[in-house]
């Protein structure tokens, strides 16, 4: 069930900024990850965002590229949480757009892991807003687990 979060000091209650150290997320987001929310049965994680005016096209609707980005982040984050990995490059992402998201609206994901092999994860999900489903997506993500130091630095060689 969709319900926009309550804001406390500008932050959605029950959510935290997702990867606030990521320059892409800082520039294009912020994207939020649910904290202590009751998730649906097979849902590994939930991602949300507020649509900002700069995310919208000249018609006032959230740009399809931004919707695709939000779904890519939501599915990828769900793979990370569900599989315990810390790097999941997108192999394939298919997005179907269903209705417009408008500036100021809160959108959030619902995702599922469909199948996990030794090297890839298959998942799907939707991005929903106050008027219903905005878009749906399916994706395949590569599974990597790279060691990370105690200060968060990636230790890939």
C-alpha atoms as a PDB file:
ATOM      1  CA  UNK A   1       0.000   0.000   0.000  1.00  0.00           C
ATOM      2  CA  UNK A   2       1.282   3.463  -0.929  1.00  0.00           C
ATOM      3  CA  UNK A   3       1.550   6.181   1.680  1.00  0.00           C
ATOM      4  CA  UNK A   4       3.819   9.202   1.353  1.00  0.00           C
ATOM      5  CA  UNK A   5       6.111   9.459   4.377  1.00  0.00           C
ATOM      6  CA  UNK A   6       5.782  12.106   7.055  1.00  0.00           C
ATOM      7  CA  UNK A   7       8.599  14.664   6.933  1.00  0.00           C
ATOM      8  CA  UNK A   8      10.630  15.439  10.054  1.00  0.00           C
ATOM      9  CA  UNK A   9      13.159  18.238   9.544  1.00  0.00           C
ATOM     10  CA  UNK A  10      12.896  17.723   5.775  1.00  0.00           C
ATOM     11  CA  UNK A  11      13.645  13.991   5.975  1.00  0.00           C
ATOM     12  CA  UNK A  12      11.040  11.302   5.291  1.00  0.00           C
ATOM     13  CA  UNK A  13      10.298   9.423   8.510  1.00  0.00           C
ATOM     14  CA  UNK A  14      11.330   5.744   8.291  1.00  0.00           C
ATOM     15  CA  UNK A  15      13.871   6.423   5.524  1.00  0.00           C
ATOM     16  CA  UNK A  16      17.586   7.283   5.280  1.00  0.00           C
ATOM     17  CA  UNK A  17      19.580   8.781   2.434  1.00  0.00           C
ATOM     18  CA  UNK A  18      20.896   5.974   0.251  1.00  0.00           C
ATOM     19  CA  UNK A  19      24.642   6.195  -0.446  1.00  0.00           C
ATOM     20  CA  UNK A  20      25.012   9.866   0.474  1.00  0.00           C
ATOM     21  CA  UNK A  21      28.725   9.566  -0.367  1.00  0.00           C
ATOM     22  CA  UNK A  22      27.925   8.720  -4.020  1.00  0.00           C
ATOM     23  CA  UNK A  23      28.355  11.797  -6.268  1.00  0.00           C
ATOM     24  CA  UNK A  24      25.719  10.531  -8.714  1.00  0.00           C
ATOM     25  CA  UNK A  25      23.128  10.145  -5.969  1.00  0.00           C
ATOM     26  CA  UNK A  26      24.027  13.542  -4.465  1.00  0.00           C
ATOM     27  CA  UNK A  27      23.575  15.231  -7.865  1.00  0.00           C
ATOM     28  CA  UNK A  28      20.469  13.393  -9.067  1.00  0.00           C
ATOM     29  CA  UNK A  29      18.746  12.455  -5.830  1.00  0.00           C
ATOM     30  CA  UNK A  30      18.628  12.214  -3.031  1.00  0.00           C
ATOM     31  CA  UNK A  31      17.374   8.648  -3.133  1.00  0.00           C
ATOM     32  CA  UNK A  32      16.192   7.139   0.137  1.00  0.00           C
ATOM     33  CA  UNK A  33      16.248   3.595   1.524  1.00  0.00           C
ATOM     34  CA  UNK A  34      13.581   2.369   3.918  1.00  0.00           C
ATOM     35  CA  UNK A  35      14.526   1.787   7.520  1.00  0.00           C
ATOM     36  CA  UNK A  36      12.334  -0.339   9.789  1.00  0.00           C
ATOM     37  CA  UNK A  37       9.347  -0.250   7.431  1.00  0.00           C
ATOM     38  CA  UNK A  38       7.190  -3.341   7.101  1.00  0.00           C
ATOM     39  CA  UNK A  39       8.132  -4.693   3.662  1.00  0.00           C
ATOM     40  CA  UNK A  40       6.005  -7.003   1.587  1.00  0.00           C
ATOM     41  CA  UNK A  41       6.618 -10.793   1.650  1.00  0.00           C
ATOM     42  CA  UNK A  42       9.538 -11.232  -0.747  1.00  0.00           C
ATOM     43  CA  UNK A  43      10.669  -7.601  -0.926  1.00  0.00           C
ATOM     44  CA  UNK A  44      14.356  -7.232   0.029  1.00  0.00           C
ATOM     45  CA  UNK A  45      14.478  -3.408   0.164  1.00  0.00           C
ATOM     46  CA  UNK A  46      12.555  -0.283  -0.756  1.00  0.00           C
ATOM     47  CA  UNK A  47      13.848   2.914  -2.384  1.00  0.00           C
ATOM     48  CA  UNK A  48      12.041   6.251  -2.563  1.00  0.00           C
ATOM     49  CA  UNK A  49      12.490   9.768  -3.889  1.00  0.00           C
ATOM     50  CA  UNK A  50      10.762  13.094  -4.114  1.00  0.00           C
ATOM     51  CA  UNK A  51      10.379  14.324  -7.684  1.00  0.00           C
ATOM     52  CA  UNK A  52      12.054  17.707  -7.930  1.00  0.00           C
ATOM     53  CA  UNK A  53      11.359  20.333 -10.605  1.00  0.00           C
ATOM     54  CA  UNK A  54      14.791  19.679 -12.130  1.00  0.00           C
ATOM     55  CA  UNK A  55      13.807  16.004 -12.606  1.00  0.00           C
ATOM     56  CA  UNK A  56      10.919  17.060 -14.859  1.00  0.00           C
ATOM     57  CA  UNK A  57      10.676  17.669 -18.580  1.00  0.00           C
ATOM     58  CA  UNK A  58       9.184  20.764 -20.229  1.00  0.00           C
ATOM     59  CA  UNK A  59       5.697  19.242 -19.850  1.00  0.00           C
ATOM     60  CA  UNK A  60       6.039  19.156 -16.056  1.00  0.00           C
ATOM     61  CA  UNK A  61       6.258  15.369 -15.795  1.00  0.00           C
ATOM     62  CA  UNK A  62       9.207  13.504 -14.325  1.00  0.00           C
ATOM     63  CA  UNK A  63      11.578  12.670 -17.173  1.00  0.00           C
ATOM     64  CA  UNK A  64      11.586   9.030 -18.267  1.00  0.00           C
ATOM     65  CA  UNK A  65      15.343   8.908 -17.772  1.00  0.00           C
ATOM     66  CA  UNK A  66      14.879   9.835 -14.119  1.00  0.00           C
ATOM     67  CA  UNK A  67      12.185   7.184 -13.689  1.00  0.00           C
ATOM     68  CA  UNK A  68      14.528   4.622 -15.285  1.00  0.00           C
ATOM     69  CA  UNK A  69      17.359   5.757 -13.010  1.00  0.00           C
ATOM     70  CA  UNK A  70      15.178   5.394  -9.915  1.00  0.00           C
ATOM     71  CA  UNK A  71      14.164   1.871 -10.936  1.00  0.00           C
ATOM     72  CA  UNK A  72      17.781   0.915 -11.721  1.00  0.00           C
ATOM     73  CA  UNK A  73      18.829   2.113  -8.265  1.00  0.00           C
ATOM     74  CA  UNK A  74      15.865   0.398  -6.579  1.00  0.00           C
ATOM     75  CA  UNK A  75      16.453  -2.959  -8.277  1.00  0.00           C
ATOM     76  CA  UNK A  76      20.226  -2.778  -7.774  1.00  0.00           C
ATOM     77  CA  UNK A  77      19.856  -1.895  -4.096  1.00  0.00           C
ATOM     78  CA  UNK A  78      17.415  -4.778  -3.636  1.00  0.00           C
ATOM     79  CA  UNK A  79      19.974  -7.142  -5.171  1.00  0.00           C
ATOM     80  CA  UNK A  80      22.650  -5.812  -2.796  1.00  0.00           C
ATOM     81  CA  UNK A  81      20.440  -6.275   0.255  1.00  0.00           C
ATOM     82  CA  UNK A  82      18.935  -9.585  -0.854  1.00  0.00           C
ATOM     83  CA  UNK A  83      22.225 -11.159  -1.950  1.00  0.00           C
ATOM     84  CA  UNK A  84      24.649  -9.543   0.491  1.00  0.00           C
ATOM     85  CA  UNK A  85      26.785  -8.032  -2.263  1.00  0.00           C
ATOM     86  CA  UNK A  86      28.224  -4.546  -2.530  1.00  0.00           C
ATOM     87  CA  UNK A  87      28.549  -4.076  -6.280  1.00  0.00           C
ATOM     88  CA  UNK A  88      25.938  -5.061  -8.829  1.00  0.00           C
ATOM     89  CA  UNK A  89      26.446  -3.594 -12.307  1.00  0.00           C
ATOM     90  CA  UNK A  90      23.305  -3.588 -14.436  1.00  0.00           C
ATOM     91  CA  UNK A  91      23.409  -6.089 -17.307  1.00  0.00           C
ATOM     92  CA  UNK A  92      19.881  -5.465 -18.598  1.00  0.00           C
ATOM     93  CA  UNK A  93      17.132  -3.067 -17.553  1.00  0.00           C
ATOM     94  CA  UNK A  94      13.723  -2.941 -19.248  1.00  0.00           C
ATOM     95  CA  UNK A  95      11.295  -0.195 -18.219  1.00  0.00           C
ATOM     96  CA  UNK A  96       7.613   0.240 -19.114  1.00  0.00           C
ATOM     97  CA  UNK A  97       6.079   3.642 -18.354  1.00  0.00           C
ATOM     98  CA  UNK A  98       2.457   3.715 -17.201  1.00  0.00           C
ATOM     99  CA  UNK A  99       1.633   7.217 -15.954  1.00  0.00           C
ATOM    100  CA  UNK A 100       3.343  10.503 -15.183  1.00  0.00           C
ATOM    101  CA  UNK A 101       5.041  11.346 -11.926  1.00  0.00           C
ATOM    102  CA  UNK A 102       4.767  15.051 -11.089  1.00  0.00           C
ATOM    103  CA  UNK A 103       7.022  17.518  -9.334  1.00  0.00           C
ATOM    104  CA  UNK A 104       6.667  17.294  -5.552  1.00  0.00           C
ATOM    105  CA  UNK A 105       5.324  13.739  -5.544  1.00  0.00           C
ATOM    106  CA  UNK A 106       6.875  10.963  -3.480  1.00  0.00           C
ATOM    107  CA  UNK A 107       7.630   7.783  -5.458  1.00  0.00           C
ATOM    108  CA  UNK A 108       8.731   4.499  -3.935  1.00  0.00           C
ATOM    109  CA  UNK A 109       9.646   1.064  -5.194  1.00  0.00           C
ATOM    110  CA  UNK A 110       8.320  -2.427  -4.642  1.00  0.00           C
ATOM    111  CA  UNK A 111      10.815  -5.056  -5.798  1.00  0.00           C
ATOM    112  CA  UNK A 112      11.299  -8.828  -5.925  1.00  0.00           C
ATOM    113  CA  UNK A 113      14.285 -11.066  -6.452  1.00  0.00           C
ATOM    114  CA  UNK A 114      13.077 -13.653  -8.958  1.00  0.00           C
ATOM    115  CA  UNK A 115      16.160 -15.855  -9.273  1.00  0.00           C
ATOM    116  CA  UNK A 116      19.752 -15.734  -8.078  1.00  0.00           C
ATOM    117  CA  UNK A 117      22.591 -17.752  -9.598  1.00  0.00           C
ATOM    118  CA  UNK A 118      26.286 -17.773  -8.679  1.00  0.00           C
ATOM    119  CA  UNK A 119      26.955 -14.789 -10.924  1.00  0.00           C
ATOM    120  CA  UNK A 120      23.711 -12.909 -11.658  1.00  0.00           C
ATOM    121  CA  UNK A 121      20.408 -11.914 -10.083  1.00  0.00           C
ATOM    122  CA  UNK A 122      17.071 -11.500 -11.870  1.00  0.00           C
ATOM    123  CA  UNK A 123      14.585  -9.066 -10.366  1.00  0.00           C
ATOM    124  CA  UNK A 124      11.594  -6.913 -11.122  1.00  0.00           C
ATOM    125  CA  UNK A 125       9.724  -4.078  -9.525  1.00  0.00           C
ATOM    126  CA  UNK A 126       7.438  -1.103  -9.800  1.00  0.00           C
ATOM    127  CA  UNK A 127       7.683   2.556  -8.894  1.00  0.00           C
ATOM    128  CA  UNK A 128       4.454   3.797  -7.350  1.00  0.00           C
ATOM    129  CA  UNK A 129       3.133   7.247  -6.528  1.00  0.00           C
ATOM    130  CA  UNK A 130      -0.053   8.829  -5.221  1.00  0.00           C
ATOM    131  CA  UNK A 131      -1.964   8.047  -8.450  1.00  0.00           C
ATOM    132  CA  UNK A 132      -0.756   4.450  -8.738  1.00  0.00           C
ATOM    133  CA  UNK A 133       2.013   2.691 -10.649  1.00  0.00           C
ATOM    134  CA  UNK A 134       4.271   5.076 -12.568  1.00  0.00           C
ATOM    135  CA  UNK A 135       6.488   2.426 -14.180  1.00  0.00           C
ATOM    136  CA  UNK A 136       7.544  -1.195 -13.948  1.00  0.00           C
ATOM    137  CA  UNK A 137      10.948  -2.697 -14.661  1.00  0.00           C
ATOM    138  CA  UNK A 138      12.815  -5.958 -14.883  1.00  0.00           C
ATOM    139  CA  UNK A 139      16.545  -6.311 -14.648  1.00  0.00           C
ATOM    140  CA  UNK A 140      19.529  -8.616 -14.563  1.00  0.00           C
ATOM    141  CA  UNK A 141      22.437  -7.633 -12.328  1.00  0.00           C
ATOM    142  CA  UNK A 142      25.978  -9.016 -12.063  1.00  0.00           C
ATOM    143  CA  UNK A 143      26.892 -10.207  -8.557  1.00  0.00           C
ATOM    144  CA  UNK A 144      30.194  -9.036  -7.111  1.00  0.00           C
ATOM    145  CA  UNK A 145      31.444  -8.971  -3.559  1.00  0.00           C
ATOM    146  CA  UNK A 146      34.456  -6.728  -3.229  1.00  0.00           C
ATOM    147  CA  UNK A 147      36.281  -6.361   0.053  1.00  0.00           C
ATOM    148  CA  UNK A 148      35.775  -2.964   1.641  1.00  0.00           C
ATOM    149  CA  UNK A 149      38.096  -1.493   4.261  1.00  0.00           C
ATOM    150  CA  UNK A 150      36.844  -0.309   7.640  1.00  0.00           C
ATOM    151  CA  UNK A 151      36.717   3.289   6.335  1.00  0.00           C
ATOM    152  CA  UNK A 152      34.513   2.236   3.384  1.00  0.00           C
ATOM    153  CA  UNK A 153      37.221   2.362   0.716  1.00  0.00           C
ATOM    154  CA  UNK A 154      36.809  -0.149  -2.101  1.00  0.00           C
ATOM    155  CA  UNK A 155      39.761  -2.558  -2.044  1.00  0.00           C
ATOM    156  CA  UNK A 156      39.461  -3.863  -5.625  1.00  0.00           C
ATOM    157  CA  UNK A 157      42.825  -4.416  -7.297  1.00  0.00           C
END
